[in-house]
N, C-alpha and C. Protein backbone atom coordinates (compact mmCIF):
# COMPACT_ATOMS: atom_id res chain seq x y z
N MET A 1 -18.83 29.38 -13.21
CA MET A 1 -18.45 28.19 -13.96
C MET A 1 -18.17 27.06 -12.96
N HIS A 2 -18.64 25.89 -13.24
CA HIS A 2 -18.40 24.71 -12.39
C HIS A 2 -16.91 24.35 -12.45
N PRO A 3 -16.30 23.96 -11.30
CA PRO A 3 -14.86 23.65 -11.29
C PRO A 3 -14.45 22.62 -12.33
N ALA A 4 -15.32 21.64 -12.60
CA ALA A 4 -14.97 20.60 -13.57
C ALA A 4 -14.91 21.15 -15.00
N GLU A 5 -15.49 22.33 -15.21
CA GLU A 5 -15.51 22.92 -16.54
C GLU A 5 -14.42 23.97 -16.73
N HIS A 6 -13.73 24.31 -15.67
CA HIS A 6 -12.72 25.36 -15.72
C HIS A 6 -11.51 24.91 -16.54
N ARG A 7 -11.09 25.76 -17.46
CA ARG A 7 -9.91 25.46 -18.28
C ARG A 7 -8.74 26.31 -17.80
N ARG A 8 -7.60 25.69 -17.69
CA ARG A 8 -6.38 26.42 -17.32
C ARG A 8 -5.41 26.32 -18.48
N GLY A 9 -4.92 27.41 -18.92
CA GLY A 9 -3.90 27.43 -19.95
C GLY A 9 -4.33 26.76 -21.24
N GLY A 10 -5.62 26.73 -21.52
CA GLY A 10 -6.09 26.18 -22.78
C GLY A 10 -6.13 24.66 -22.83
N GLY A 11 -5.88 23.98 -21.70
CA GLY A 11 -5.92 22.52 -21.69
C GLY A 11 -7.33 21.99 -21.61
N LEU A 12 -7.43 20.70 -21.40
CA LEU A 12 -8.73 20.04 -21.27
C LEU A 12 -9.39 20.39 -19.94
N THR A 13 -10.69 20.39 -19.94
CA THR A 13 -11.40 20.50 -18.67
C THR A 13 -11.25 19.16 -17.96
N LEU A 14 -11.49 19.14 -16.68
CA LEU A 14 -11.43 17.90 -15.92
C LEU A 14 -12.42 16.89 -16.49
N ALA A 15 -13.62 17.34 -16.77
CA ALA A 15 -14.65 16.45 -17.31
C ALA A 15 -14.21 15.85 -18.64
N ASP A 16 -13.60 16.64 -19.52
CA ASP A 16 -13.13 16.13 -20.81
C ASP A 16 -11.95 15.17 -20.63
N ALA A 17 -11.08 15.48 -19.69
CA ALA A 17 -9.94 14.59 -19.44
C ALA A 17 -10.43 13.23 -18.93
N ILE A 18 -11.41 13.24 -18.04
CA ILE A 18 -11.95 11.98 -17.52
C ILE A 18 -12.58 11.16 -18.64
N LYS A 19 -13.25 11.82 -19.56
CA LYS A 19 -13.87 11.12 -20.69
C LYS A 19 -12.83 10.42 -21.57
N LYS A 20 -11.58 10.88 -21.54
CA LYS A 20 -10.53 10.30 -22.37
C LYS A 20 -9.87 9.07 -21.73
N ILE A 21 -10.17 8.80 -20.47
CA ILE A 21 -9.59 7.62 -19.81
C ILE A 21 -10.21 6.37 -20.42
N PRO A 22 -9.39 5.45 -20.93
CA PRO A 22 -9.96 4.24 -21.54
C PRO A 22 -10.68 3.38 -20.50
N VAL A 23 -11.77 2.79 -20.91
CA VAL A 23 -12.55 1.90 -20.05
C VAL A 23 -12.56 0.53 -20.71
N ALA A 24 -12.24 -0.49 -19.92
CA ALA A 24 -12.22 -1.86 -20.44
C ALA A 24 -12.55 -2.82 -19.31
N GLU A 25 -12.97 -4.00 -19.67
CA GLU A 25 -13.22 -5.05 -18.68
C GLU A 25 -11.90 -5.46 -18.04
N GLU A 26 -11.93 -5.69 -16.73
CA GLU A 26 -10.73 -6.17 -16.05
C GLU A 26 -10.48 -7.62 -16.42
N GLN A 27 -9.22 -7.99 -16.46
CA GLN A 27 -8.83 -9.34 -16.85
C GLN A 27 -8.01 -9.98 -15.74
N ARG A 28 -8.53 -11.01 -15.12
CA ARG A 28 -7.81 -11.72 -14.06
C ARG A 28 -6.93 -12.83 -14.64
N ALA A 29 -7.09 -13.18 -15.88
CA ALA A 29 -6.34 -14.29 -16.49
C ALA A 29 -4.85 -14.13 -16.26
N GLY A 30 -4.22 -15.18 -15.78
CA GLY A 30 -2.78 -15.18 -15.57
C GLY A 30 -2.34 -14.73 -14.20
N TYR A 31 -3.25 -14.16 -13.41
CA TYR A 31 -2.86 -13.68 -12.07
C TYR A 31 -2.65 -14.85 -11.13
N GLU A 32 -1.51 -14.85 -10.47
CA GLU A 32 -1.22 -15.81 -9.41
C GLU A 32 -0.47 -15.05 -8.33
N ARG A 33 -1.04 -14.99 -7.14
CA ARG A 33 -0.43 -14.23 -6.05
C ARG A 33 1.00 -14.70 -5.78
N ASP A 34 1.24 -15.99 -5.92
CA ASP A 34 2.58 -16.53 -5.67
C ASP A 34 3.63 -16.02 -6.66
N SER A 35 3.20 -15.40 -7.75
CA SER A 35 4.14 -14.84 -8.72
C SER A 35 4.81 -13.57 -8.20
N PHE A 36 4.25 -12.98 -7.15
CA PHE A 36 4.78 -11.74 -6.60
C PHE A 36 5.59 -12.04 -5.35
N ARG A 37 6.80 -11.58 -5.32
CA ARG A 37 7.65 -11.78 -4.14
C ARG A 37 7.15 -10.90 -3.01
N HIS A 38 7.07 -11.47 -1.84
CA HIS A 38 6.60 -10.72 -0.69
C HIS A 38 7.70 -10.59 0.35
N TRP A 39 7.68 -9.47 1.01
CA TRP A 39 8.55 -9.20 2.14
C TRP A 39 10.03 -9.41 1.80
N VAL A 40 10.42 -8.80 0.69
CA VAL A 40 11.83 -8.84 0.31
C VAL A 40 12.60 -7.79 1.10
N ASP A 41 13.90 -7.94 1.16
CA ASP A 41 14.77 -6.96 1.80
C ASP A 41 15.37 -6.09 0.69
N GLU A 42 14.57 -5.17 0.20
CA GLU A 42 14.93 -4.37 -0.96
C GLU A 42 16.22 -3.58 -0.78
N ASP A 43 16.45 -3.03 0.42
CA ASP A 43 17.63 -2.19 0.62
C ASP A 43 18.81 -2.95 1.21
N GLY A 44 18.66 -4.26 1.44
CA GLY A 44 19.78 -5.09 1.90
C GLY A 44 20.23 -4.83 3.33
N ASP A 45 19.35 -4.25 4.16
CA ASP A 45 19.77 -3.96 5.54
C ASP A 45 19.42 -5.07 6.53
N GLY A 46 18.89 -6.20 6.03
CA GLY A 46 18.56 -7.32 6.90
C GLY A 46 17.12 -7.34 7.37
N CYS A 47 16.36 -6.30 7.06
CA CYS A 47 14.94 -6.24 7.45
C CYS A 47 14.06 -6.31 6.21
N PRO A 48 13.21 -7.33 6.13
CA PRO A 48 12.27 -7.37 5.00
C PRO A 48 11.22 -6.27 5.12
N THR A 49 10.51 -6.04 4.05
CA THR A 49 9.56 -4.94 3.96
C THR A 49 8.57 -4.93 5.12
N ARG A 50 8.01 -6.09 5.48
CA ARG A 50 7.03 -6.13 6.57
C ARG A 50 7.59 -5.52 7.85
N GLN A 51 8.80 -5.94 8.24
CA GLN A 51 9.40 -5.39 9.45
C GLN A 51 9.71 -3.90 9.29
N GLU A 52 10.14 -3.48 8.13
CA GLU A 52 10.44 -2.07 7.91
C GLU A 52 9.17 -1.22 8.10
N VAL A 53 8.04 -1.71 7.59
CA VAL A 53 6.78 -0.98 7.76
C VAL A 53 6.39 -0.96 9.23
N LEU A 54 6.51 -2.10 9.91
CA LEU A 54 6.17 -2.15 11.33
C LEU A 54 7.04 -1.18 12.14
N ILE A 55 8.31 -1.12 11.85
CA ILE A 55 9.21 -0.20 12.55
C ILE A 55 8.80 1.25 12.27
N ALA A 56 8.55 1.56 11.01
CA ALA A 56 8.21 2.94 10.62
C ALA A 56 6.87 3.40 11.20
N GLU A 57 5.92 2.48 11.32
CA GLU A 57 4.58 2.85 11.77
C GLU A 57 4.37 2.71 13.27
N ALA A 58 5.36 2.24 13.99
CA ALA A 58 5.20 2.00 15.43
C ALA A 58 5.02 3.31 16.20
N VAL A 59 4.14 3.27 17.20
CA VAL A 59 3.98 4.38 18.13
C VAL A 59 5.09 4.27 19.18
N THR A 60 5.31 3.05 19.65
CA THR A 60 6.44 2.74 20.53
C THR A 60 7.31 1.77 19.75
N ALA A 61 8.56 2.14 19.51
CA ALA A 61 9.44 1.33 18.66
C ALA A 61 9.67 -0.07 19.24
N PRO A 62 9.58 -1.09 18.38
CA PRO A 62 9.91 -2.44 18.83
C PRO A 62 11.42 -2.61 18.90
N ARG A 63 11.86 -3.60 19.66
CA ARG A 63 13.28 -3.95 19.69
C ARG A 63 13.58 -4.86 18.51
N GLN A 64 14.75 -4.67 17.90
CA GLN A 64 15.16 -5.49 16.77
C GLN A 64 16.17 -6.52 17.25
N GLY A 65 15.88 -7.79 16.95
CA GLY A 65 16.79 -8.86 17.29
C GLY A 65 17.51 -9.37 16.05
N ASP A 66 18.09 -10.56 16.18
CA ASP A 66 18.77 -11.18 15.05
C ASP A 66 17.83 -11.32 13.86
N ARG A 67 18.36 -11.10 12.66
CA ARG A 67 17.61 -11.21 11.41
C ARG A 67 16.34 -10.37 11.43
N CYS A 68 16.39 -9.26 12.14
CA CYS A 68 15.32 -8.26 12.21
C CYS A 68 14.04 -8.81 12.83
N THR A 69 14.17 -9.76 13.74
CA THR A 69 12.98 -10.17 14.48
C THR A 69 12.60 -9.03 15.41
N LEU A 70 11.32 -8.78 15.53
CA LEU A 70 10.84 -7.65 16.33
C LEU A 70 10.15 -8.15 17.59
N SER A 71 10.37 -7.45 18.68
CA SER A 71 9.65 -7.75 19.92
C SER A 71 9.29 -6.44 20.59
N GLY A 72 8.22 -6.49 21.36
CA GLY A 72 7.75 -5.27 21.99
C GLY A 72 7.16 -4.33 20.96
N GLY A 73 7.02 -3.10 21.32
CA GLY A 73 6.48 -2.10 20.42
C GLY A 73 4.97 -2.03 20.50
N SER A 74 4.43 -0.95 19.96
CA SER A 74 2.98 -0.80 19.89
C SER A 74 2.62 0.01 18.66
N TRP A 75 1.40 -0.24 18.16
CA TRP A 75 0.90 0.40 16.97
C TRP A 75 -0.52 0.86 17.24
N LEU A 76 -0.93 1.93 16.59
CA LEU A 76 -2.27 2.46 16.77
C LEU A 76 -3.05 2.28 15.47
N SER A 77 -4.20 1.64 15.58
CA SER A 77 -5.06 1.43 14.42
C SER A 77 -5.65 2.76 13.98
N TYR A 78 -5.51 3.09 12.71
CA TYR A 78 -6.08 4.32 12.17
C TYR A 78 -7.60 4.26 12.16
N TYR A 79 -8.14 3.06 12.09
CA TYR A 79 -9.57 2.89 11.88
C TYR A 79 -10.39 2.97 13.16
N ASP A 80 -9.89 2.39 14.26
CA ASP A 80 -10.68 2.39 15.49
C ASP A 80 -9.89 2.89 16.70
N GLU A 81 -8.68 3.39 16.46
CA GLU A 81 -7.80 3.92 17.50
C GLU A 81 -7.45 2.90 18.58
N ALA A 82 -7.54 1.61 18.23
CA ALA A 82 -7.15 0.56 19.17
C ALA A 82 -5.63 0.42 19.16
N GLU A 83 -5.05 0.18 20.32
CA GLU A 83 -3.62 -0.05 20.43
C GLU A 83 -3.35 -1.54 20.25
N VAL A 84 -2.36 -1.86 19.43
CA VAL A 84 -1.97 -3.25 19.17
C VAL A 84 -0.54 -3.42 19.65
N THR A 85 -0.29 -4.43 20.46
CA THR A 85 1.07 -4.66 20.98
C THR A 85 1.65 -5.98 20.49
N ASP A 86 0.92 -6.70 19.66
CA ASP A 86 1.42 -7.95 19.08
C ASP A 86 1.47 -7.78 17.57
N ALA A 87 2.66 -7.60 17.02
CA ALA A 87 2.82 -7.32 15.60
C ALA A 87 2.24 -8.43 14.73
N ARG A 88 2.17 -9.66 15.25
CA ARG A 88 1.62 -10.77 14.47
C ARG A 88 0.13 -10.57 14.18
N LYS A 89 -0.52 -9.70 14.92
CA LYS A 89 -1.94 -9.43 14.71
C LYS A 89 -2.19 -8.33 13.68
N LEU A 90 -1.12 -7.79 13.13
CA LEU A 90 -1.24 -6.71 12.16
C LEU A 90 -1.04 -7.20 10.74
N ASP A 91 -1.88 -6.72 9.84
CA ASP A 91 -1.71 -6.98 8.42
C ASP A 91 -1.07 -5.76 7.79
N ILE A 92 -0.14 -5.99 6.91
CA ILE A 92 0.46 -4.91 6.13
C ILE A 92 -0.09 -5.06 4.72
N ASP A 93 -0.90 -4.12 4.30
CA ASP A 93 -1.58 -4.23 3.02
C ASP A 93 -0.98 -3.29 1.99
N HIS A 94 -1.20 -3.64 0.74
CA HIS A 94 -0.82 -2.79 -0.38
C HIS A 94 -1.81 -1.65 -0.48
N MET A 95 -1.38 -0.52 -0.99
CA MET A 95 -2.32 0.59 -1.21
C MET A 95 -3.37 0.17 -2.24
N VAL A 96 -2.95 -0.58 -3.24
CA VAL A 96 -3.86 -1.19 -4.21
C VAL A 96 -3.58 -2.68 -4.15
N PRO A 97 -4.60 -3.50 -3.85
CA PRO A 97 -4.38 -4.94 -3.78
C PRO A 97 -3.77 -5.46 -5.07
N LEU A 98 -2.88 -6.45 -4.96
CA LEU A 98 -2.19 -6.99 -6.13
C LEU A 98 -3.17 -7.44 -7.22
N ALA A 99 -4.22 -8.16 -6.82
CA ALA A 99 -5.17 -8.65 -7.82
C ALA A 99 -5.84 -7.49 -8.57
N GLU A 100 -6.17 -6.42 -7.85
CA GLU A 100 -6.80 -5.27 -8.49
C GLU A 100 -5.84 -4.59 -9.46
N ALA A 101 -4.60 -4.46 -9.04
CA ALA A 101 -3.60 -3.86 -9.93
C ALA A 101 -3.42 -4.72 -11.19
N TRP A 102 -3.41 -6.05 -11.01
CA TRP A 102 -3.27 -6.96 -12.16
C TRP A 102 -4.46 -6.81 -13.08
N ASP A 103 -5.67 -6.81 -12.51
CA ASP A 103 -6.90 -6.70 -13.32
C ASP A 103 -6.94 -5.41 -14.11
N SER A 104 -6.38 -4.35 -13.58
CA SER A 104 -6.51 -3.03 -14.17
C SER A 104 -5.34 -2.66 -15.08
N LYS A 105 -4.47 -3.59 -15.37
CA LYS A 105 -3.29 -3.26 -16.18
C LYS A 105 -3.63 -2.81 -17.56
């Protein structure tokens, strides 16, 4: 039996479950990137999200200054294994881009 056809506990097969996912045209109407707050300090520790990600993902930890300014440190690109030592050259992206998430609501 093909794995997509295998039933466990009498539930739907994977193929049948996929067929039940609604399909509709994406709608961009109303999307404005500025409507989404960026780099907030969600946990109130003085470091906005961007700096928290940079700290967590660093290969060599950066130094934290006043208001969570970062200096030093290094990061390794997952894509080309290049070492980056200037955090300003790094983009912190969403797992799903905001516009795509909005379109798919």
